[in-house]
């Protein structure tokens, strides 16, 4: 005899720690966006998601498109340690996907920055962080 019931879907809930990390990361992105805007760089996208992954911030400085990965932790060194080789590869793939839609396509001038935010909210930007 078959059963005619559907179990309720499992809802993932964030732990208190996970929720705090989420909010800290979001606050860090807002602070970094303001940091760039204060320097005259227009933020044109936040959390831009492509097929390959996501870039936290996308800005424009003249003809240069600036992609910013934001990492937040207690210290800048600890924040930097959260960047993995796999994540760097996804960032590059996502950047390629984004610039494919630009007028110059893959010939678009780009810069990929790493913005580190410590527990006191201090921002350290490493321009061209992943340049070879």
N, C-alpha and C. Protein backbone atom coordinates (compact mmCIF):
# COMPACT_ATOMS: atom_id res chain seq x y z
N UNK A 1 0.83 -1.17 0.00
CA UNK A 1 0.00 0.00 0.00
C UNK A 1 0.89 1.25 0.00
N UNK A 2 0.76 2.10 -1.02
CA UNK A 2 1.64 3.27 -1.13
C UNK A 2 1.27 4.35 -0.10
N UNK A 3 2.24 5.13 0.21
CA UNK A 3 2.03 6.24 1.14
C UNK A 3 1.81 7.50 0.33
N UNK A 4 0.84 8.30 0.70
CA UNK A 4 0.54 9.54 -0.01
C UNK A 4 0.95 10.76 0.81
N UNK A 5 2.19 10.82 1.17
CA UNK A 5 2.61 12.01 1.88
C UNK A 5 3.93 12.48 1.29
N UNK A 6 4.12 13.75 1.39
CA UNK A 6 5.36 14.36 0.94
C UNK A 6 5.98 15.01 2.16
N UNK A 7 7.18 14.63 2.43
CA UNK A 7 7.83 15.24 3.59
C UNK A 7 8.14 16.70 3.31
N UNK A 8 8.16 17.47 4.35
CA UNK A 8 8.49 18.88 4.22
C UNK A 8 9.94 19.01 3.77
N UNK A 9 10.21 19.94 2.87
CA UNK A 9 11.59 20.11 2.43
C UNK A 9 12.47 20.53 3.60
N UNK A 10 13.69 20.07 3.56
CA UNK A 10 14.64 20.42 4.60
C UNK A 10 15.09 21.85 4.37
N UNK A 11 14.90 22.69 5.36
CA UNK A 11 15.34 24.08 5.25
C UNK A 11 16.67 24.23 5.94
N UNK A 12 17.58 24.80 5.22
CA UNK A 12 18.87 25.07 5.83
C UNK A 12 18.77 26.38 6.58
N UNK A 13 19.18 26.33 7.79
CA UNK A 13 19.21 27.55 8.58
C UNK A 13 20.66 27.86 8.91
N UNK A 14 20.93 29.11 8.98
CA UNK A 14 22.28 29.52 9.32
C UNK A 14 22.46 29.47 10.83
N UNK A 15 23.60 28.99 11.24
CA UNK A 15 23.91 29.03 12.66
C UNK A 15 24.13 30.49 13.06
N UNK A 16 24.13 30.75 14.32
CA UNK A 16 24.39 32.11 14.79
C UNK A 16 25.74 32.60 14.29
N UNK A 17 26.72 31.72 14.31
CA UNK A 17 28.06 32.09 13.84
C UNK A 17 28.05 32.34 12.34
N UNK A 18 27.36 31.48 11.60
CA UNK A 18 27.28 31.65 10.15
C UNK A 18 26.57 32.94 9.78
N UNK A 19 25.53 33.27 10.51
CA UNK A 19 24.80 34.50 10.26
C UNK A 19 25.67 35.72 10.58
N UNK A 20 26.42 35.64 11.67
CA UNK A 20 27.32 36.74 12.02
C UNK A 20 28.39 36.92 10.95
N UNK A 21 28.94 35.81 10.44
CA UNK A 21 29.95 35.89 9.38
C UNK A 21 29.36 36.49 8.11
N UNK A 22 28.12 36.09 7.78
CA UNK A 22 27.45 36.63 6.60
C UNK A 22 27.31 38.14 6.72
N UNK A 23 26.83 38.60 7.87
CA UNK A 23 26.63 40.04 8.06
C UNK A 23 27.97 40.79 8.07
N UNK A 24 28.99 40.21 8.67
CA UNK A 24 30.32 40.84 8.68
C UNK A 24 30.87 40.95 7.27
N UNK A 25 30.69 39.91 6.48
CA UNK A 25 31.15 39.94 5.09
C UNK A 25 30.41 40.98 4.27
N UNK A 26 29.10 41.06 4.48
CA UNK A 26 28.30 42.06 3.76
C UNK A 26 28.72 43.47 4.15
N UNK A 27 28.92 43.70 5.44
CA UNK A 27 29.36 45.02 5.92
C UNK A 27 30.72 45.37 5.34
N UNK A 28 31.61 44.38 5.24
CA UNK A 28 32.93 44.61 4.65
C UNK A 28 32.79 45.03 3.19
N UNK A 29 31.92 44.37 2.44
CA UNK A 29 31.71 44.72 1.03
C UNK A 29 31.18 46.15 0.89
N UNK A 30 30.26 46.54 1.76
CA UNK A 30 29.71 47.89 1.73
C UNK A 30 30.82 48.90 2.02
N UNK A 31 31.66 48.62 3.01
CA UNK A 31 32.77 49.53 3.36
C UNK A 31 33.77 49.65 2.22
N UNK A 32 34.09 48.53 1.60
CA UNK A 32 35.05 48.55 0.49
C UNK A 32 34.47 49.30 -0.70
N UNK A 33 33.19 49.12 -0.99
CA UNK A 33 32.56 49.85 -2.08
C UNK A 33 32.65 51.36 -1.83
N UNK A 34 32.38 51.76 -0.60
CA UNK A 34 32.47 53.18 -0.24
C UNK A 34 33.92 53.67 -0.38
N UNK A 35 34.88 52.83 0.00
CA UNK A 35 36.31 53.15 -0.12
C UNK A 35 36.66 53.46 -1.58
N UNK A 36 36.19 52.63 -2.50
CA UNK A 36 36.46 52.86 -3.92
C UNK A 36 35.73 54.10 -4.42
N UNK A 37 34.47 54.25 -4.05
CA UNK A 37 33.69 55.40 -4.50
C UNK A 37 34.29 56.71 -4.00
N UNK A 38 34.85 56.71 -2.79
CA UNK A 38 35.51 57.90 -2.26
C UNK A 38 36.73 58.28 -3.08
N UNK A 39 37.25 57.34 -3.83
CA UNK A 39 38.41 57.59 -4.68
C UNK A 39 38.01 57.81 -6.14
N UNK A 40 36.72 58.00 -6.36
CA UNK A 40 36.24 58.33 -7.70
C UNK A 40 35.98 57.14 -8.61
N UNK A 41 35.99 55.94 -8.06
CA UNK A 41 35.74 54.74 -8.86
C UNK A 41 34.27 54.37 -8.69
N UNK A 42 33.57 54.34 -9.82
CA UNK A 42 32.15 54.03 -9.80
C UNK A 42 31.95 52.52 -9.65
N UNK A 43 31.19 52.11 -8.66
CA UNK A 43 30.84 50.69 -8.49
C UNK A 43 29.62 50.43 -9.36
N UNK A 44 29.78 49.56 -10.35
CA UNK A 44 28.68 49.31 -11.28
C UNK A 44 27.98 47.98 -11.03
N UNK A 45 28.58 47.12 -10.21
CA UNK A 45 27.93 45.85 -9.89
C UNK A 45 28.43 45.36 -8.54
N UNK A 46 27.51 44.76 -7.80
CA UNK A 46 27.85 44.12 -6.52
C UNK A 46 27.41 42.67 -6.61
N UNK A 47 28.27 41.79 -6.16
CA UNK A 47 27.98 40.35 -6.18
C UNK A 47 27.54 39.90 -7.57
N UNK A 48 28.35 40.27 -8.57
CA UNK A 48 28.03 39.88 -9.95
C UNK A 48 28.28 38.39 -10.10
N UNK A 49 27.24 37.69 -10.51
CA UNK A 49 27.32 36.23 -10.63
C UNK A 49 27.25 35.83 -12.09
N UNK A 50 28.23 35.03 -12.47
CA UNK A 50 28.23 34.42 -13.79
C UNK A 50 28.15 32.91 -13.63
N UNK A 51 28.38 32.21 -14.71
CA UNK A 51 28.34 30.74 -14.66
C UNK A 51 29.48 30.20 -13.81
N UNK A 52 30.65 30.81 -13.93
CA UNK A 52 31.85 30.31 -13.25
C UNK A 52 31.88 30.65 -11.76
N UNK A 53 31.25 31.74 -11.37
CA UNK A 53 31.31 32.14 -9.97
C UNK A 53 30.83 33.56 -9.78
N UNK A 54 31.30 34.17 -8.73
CA UNK A 54 30.84 35.50 -8.34
C UNK A 54 32.03 36.40 -8.03
N UNK A 55 31.88 37.68 -8.37
CA UNK A 55 32.85 38.70 -8.01
C UNK A 55 32.13 39.67 -7.09
N UNK A 56 32.76 40.01 -5.97
CA UNK A 56 32.10 40.84 -4.97
C UNK A 56 31.73 42.23 -5.48
N UNK A 57 32.69 42.92 -6.10
CA UNK A 57 32.45 44.27 -6.59
C UNK A 57 33.07 44.42 -7.98
N UNK A 58 32.38 45.20 -8.81
CA UNK A 58 32.93 45.55 -10.12
C UNK A 58 32.84 47.07 -10.21
N UNK A 59 33.99 47.68 -10.48
CA UNK A 59 34.04 49.13 -10.59
C UNK A 59 34.61 49.57 -11.92
N UNK A 60 34.44 50.84 -12.21
CA UNK A 60 34.98 51.43 -13.43
C UNK A 60 35.79 52.67 -13.08
N UNK A 61 36.99 52.70 -13.62
CA UNK A 61 37.87 53.86 -13.49
C UNK A 61 38.30 54.23 -14.89
N UNK A 62 37.53 55.12 -15.53
CA UNK A 62 37.78 55.42 -16.94
C UNK A 62 37.46 54.18 -17.77
N UNK A 63 38.42 53.76 -18.58
CA UNK A 63 38.24 52.57 -19.42
C UNK A 63 38.61 51.27 -18.72
N UNK A 64 39.10 51.36 -17.50
CA UNK A 64 39.54 50.17 -16.77
C UNK A 64 38.38 49.62 -15.94
N UNK A 65 38.14 48.32 -16.08
CA UNK A 65 37.14 47.64 -15.25
C UNK A 65 37.90 46.99 -14.09
N UNK A 66 37.48 47.31 -12.88
CA UNK A 66 38.16 46.82 -11.68
C UNK A 66 37.27 45.80 -10.99
N UNK A 67 37.82 44.61 -10.79
CA UNK A 67 37.12 43.54 -10.09
C UNK A 67 37.72 43.44 -8.70
N UNK A 68 36.87 43.36 -7.70
CA UNK A 68 37.36 43.37 -6.32
C UNK A 68 36.82 42.16 -5.57
N UNK A 69 37.74 41.37 -5.04
CA UNK A 69 37.39 40.27 -4.14
C UNK A 69 37.59 40.80 -2.72
N UNK A 70 36.56 40.72 -1.89
CA UNK A 70 36.62 41.24 -0.52
C UNK A 70 36.74 40.06 0.44
N UNK A 71 37.71 40.15 1.34
CA UNK A 71 37.88 39.14 2.39
C UNK A 71 37.93 39.85 3.73
N UNK A 72 37.16 39.33 4.68
CA UNK A 72 37.08 39.92 6.01
C UNK A 72 37.42 38.88 7.05
N UNK A 73 38.25 39.28 8.02
CA UNK A 73 38.58 38.41 9.15
C UNK A 73 39.15 39.29 10.26
N UNK A 74 39.59 38.65 11.34
CA UNK A 74 40.13 39.42 12.48
C UNK A 74 41.33 40.27 12.09
N UNK A 75 42.20 39.72 11.23
CA UNK A 75 43.39 40.45 10.79
C UNK A 75 43.45 40.40 9.27
N UNK A 76 44.23 41.30 8.71
CA UNK A 76 44.42 41.29 7.25
C UNK A 76 45.09 40.01 6.79
N UNK A 77 46.08 39.53 7.55
CA UNK A 77 46.77 38.30 7.18
C UNK A 77 45.82 37.11 7.18
N UNK A 78 44.98 37.05 8.18
CA UNK A 78 44.01 35.95 8.26
C UNK A 78 43.01 36.04 7.11
N UNK A 79 42.58 37.25 6.79
CA UNK A 79 41.65 37.43 5.67
C UNK A 79 42.30 36.97 4.36
N UNK A 80 43.55 37.34 4.16
CA UNK A 80 44.26 36.94 2.94
C UNK A 80 44.42 35.43 2.85
N UNK A 81 44.54 34.77 3.99
CA UNK A 81 44.73 33.32 3.98
C UNK A 81 43.49 32.56 3.52
N UNK A 82 42.36 33.26 3.45
CA UNK A 82 41.12 32.61 3.01
C UNK A 82 40.99 32.53 1.49
N UNK A 83 41.94 33.12 0.76
CA UNK A 83 41.90 33.06 -0.69
C UNK A 83 42.60 31.77 -1.13
N UNK A 84 41.87 30.92 -1.84
CA UNK A 84 42.42 29.63 -2.28
C UNK A 84 42.75 29.67 -3.77
N UNK A 85 43.64 28.79 -4.22
CA UNK A 85 43.92 28.72 -5.66
C UNK A 85 42.67 28.46 -6.50
N UNK A 86 41.78 27.62 -6.00
CA UNK A 86 40.54 27.35 -6.72
C UNK A 86 39.68 28.59 -6.84
N UNK A 87 39.64 29.38 -5.79
CA UNK A 87 38.86 30.61 -5.82
C UNK A 87 39.47 31.61 -6.82
N UNK A 88 40.78 31.69 -6.85
CA UNK A 88 41.44 32.58 -7.81
C UNK A 88 41.10 32.17 -9.24
N UNK A 89 41.11 30.87 -9.51
CA UNK A 89 40.75 30.38 -10.84
C UNK A 89 39.31 30.75 -11.18
N UNK A 90 38.40 30.63 -10.23
CA UNK A 90 37.00 31.00 -10.47
C UNK A 90 36.86 32.50 -10.72
N UNK A 91 37.63 33.30 -9.99
CA UNK A 91 37.60 34.75 -10.20
C UNK A 91 38.02 35.07 -11.63
N UNK A 92 39.12 34.47 -12.09
CA UNK A 92 39.60 34.72 -13.45
C UNK A 92 38.55 34.31 -14.48
N UNK A 93 37.91 33.17 -14.27
CA UNK A 93 36.87 32.72 -15.20
C UNK A 93 35.68 33.66 -15.20
N UNK A 94 35.32 34.14 -14.03
CA UNK A 94 34.19 35.07 -13.91
C UNK A 94 34.52 36.40 -14.57
N UNK A 95 35.76 36.87 -14.40
CA UNK A 95 36.19 38.11 -15.05
C UNK A 95 36.11 37.95 -16.57
N UNK A 96 36.59 36.83 -17.08
CA UNK A 96 36.52 36.58 -18.53
C UNK A 96 35.08 36.62 -19.01
N UNK A 97 34.19 36.03 -18.24
CA UNK A 97 32.78 36.01 -18.60
C UNK A 97 32.19 37.44 -18.60
N UNK A 98 32.54 38.24 -17.61
CA UNK A 98 32.02 39.60 -17.51
C UNK A 98 32.51 40.43 -18.70
N UNK A 99 33.82 40.41 -18.97
CA UNK A 99 34.35 41.28 -20.02
C UNK A 99 33.91 40.84 -21.42
N UNK A 100 33.46 39.61 -21.57
CA UNK A 100 32.93 39.18 -22.86
C UNK A 100 31.75 40.06 -23.27
N UNK A 101 31.06 40.64 -22.31
CA UNK A 101 29.94 41.51 -22.60
C UNK A 101 30.32 42.98 -22.75
N UNK A 102 31.58 43.31 -22.60
CA UNK A 102 32.06 44.68 -22.74
C UNK A 102 32.30 45.00 -24.22
N UNK A 103 32.23 46.29 -24.60
CA UNK A 103 32.44 46.65 -26.01
C UNK A 103 33.77 46.14 -26.59
N UNK A 104 34.84 46.17 -25.81
CA UNK A 104 36.15 45.70 -26.30
C UNK A 104 36.35 44.20 -26.04
N UNK A 105 35.39 43.57 -25.42
CA UNK A 105 35.49 42.13 -25.14
C UNK A 105 36.72 41.81 -24.32
N UNK A 106 37.45 40.78 -24.74
CA UNK A 106 38.63 40.33 -23.99
C UNK A 106 39.79 41.33 -24.05
N UNK A 107 39.66 42.37 -24.87
CA UNK A 107 40.69 43.40 -24.94
C UNK A 107 40.45 44.52 -23.92
N UNK A 108 39.42 44.38 -23.12
CA UNK A 108 39.10 45.36 -22.08
C UNK A 108 40.23 45.41 -21.06
N UNK A 109 40.61 46.63 -20.68
CA UNK A 109 41.61 46.78 -19.62
C UNK A 109 40.96 46.41 -18.29
N UNK A 110 41.58 45.47 -17.58
CA UNK A 110 41.02 45.03 -16.30
C UNK A 110 42.09 45.04 -15.22
N UNK A 111 41.61 45.11 -14.00
CA UNK A 111 42.47 44.98 -12.83
C UNK A 111 41.68 44.17 -11.82
N UNK A 112 42.34 43.24 -11.16
CA UNK A 112 41.70 42.44 -10.12
C UNK A 112 42.37 42.77 -8.79
N UNK A 113 41.59 43.35 -7.89
CA UNK A 113 42.11 43.75 -6.59
C UNK A 113 41.61 42.80 -5.51
N UNK A 114 42.37 42.72 -4.45
CA UNK A 114 41.97 42.00 -3.25
C UNK A 114 41.85 43.03 -2.14
N UNK A 115 40.65 43.15 -1.57
CA UNK A 115 40.43 44.09 -0.47
C UNK A 115 40.30 43.29 0.82
N UNK A 116 41.19 43.56 1.75
CA UNK A 116 41.20 42.88 3.04
C UNK A 116 40.64 43.81 4.10
N UNK A 117 39.71 43.30 4.90
CA UNK A 117 39.10 44.09 5.95
C UNK A 117 39.31 43.36 7.27
N UNK A 118 39.91 44.06 8.24
CA UNK A 118 40.16 43.42 9.54
C UNK A 118 39.00 43.65 10.50
N UNK A 119 39.12 43.11 11.70
CA UNK A 119 38.06 43.17 12.69
C UNK A 119 37.71 44.58 13.15
N UNK A 120 38.61 45.53 12.93
CA UNK A 120 38.33 46.93 13.29
C UNK A 120 37.78 47.71 12.11
N UNK A 121 37.61 47.04 10.97
CA UNK A 121 37.07 47.70 9.79
C UNK A 121 38.10 48.39 8.93
N UNK A 122 39.38 48.21 9.25
CA UNK A 122 40.44 48.81 8.42
C UNK A 122 40.54 48.06 7.11
N UNK A 123 40.72 48.81 6.04
CA UNK A 123 40.75 48.25 4.68
C UNK A 123 42.16 48.35 4.13
N UNK A 124 42.63 47.25 3.58
CA UNK A 124 43.92 47.21 2.88
C UNK A 124 43.64 46.66 1.50
N UNK A 125 43.85 47.48 0.46
CA UNK A 125 43.59 47.05 -0.92
C UNK A 125 44.92 46.70 -1.57
N UNK A 126 44.95 45.51 -2.14
CA UNK A 126 46.11 45.05 -2.90
C UNK A 126 45.69 45.10 -4.38
N UNK A 127 46.17 46.12 -5.09
CA UNK A 127 45.82 46.26 -6.49
C UNK A 127 46.55 45.21 -7.33
N UNK A 128 45.88 44.72 -8.36
CA UNK A 128 46.45 43.67 -9.22
C UNK A 128 46.97 42.50 -8.39
N UNK A 129 46.18 42.09 -7.43
CA UNK A 129 46.62 41.10 -6.45
C UNK A 129 47.03 39.77 -7.07
N UNK A 130 46.45 39.41 -8.20
CA UNK A 130 46.71 38.09 -8.75
C UNK A 130 47.49 38.16 -10.05
N UNK A 131 48.16 39.29 -10.29
CA UNK A 131 48.98 39.45 -11.50
C UNK A 131 50.21 38.56 -11.39
N UNK A 132 50.58 37.97 -12.49
CA UNK A 132 51.71 37.04 -12.49
C UNK A 132 52.98 37.70 -12.44
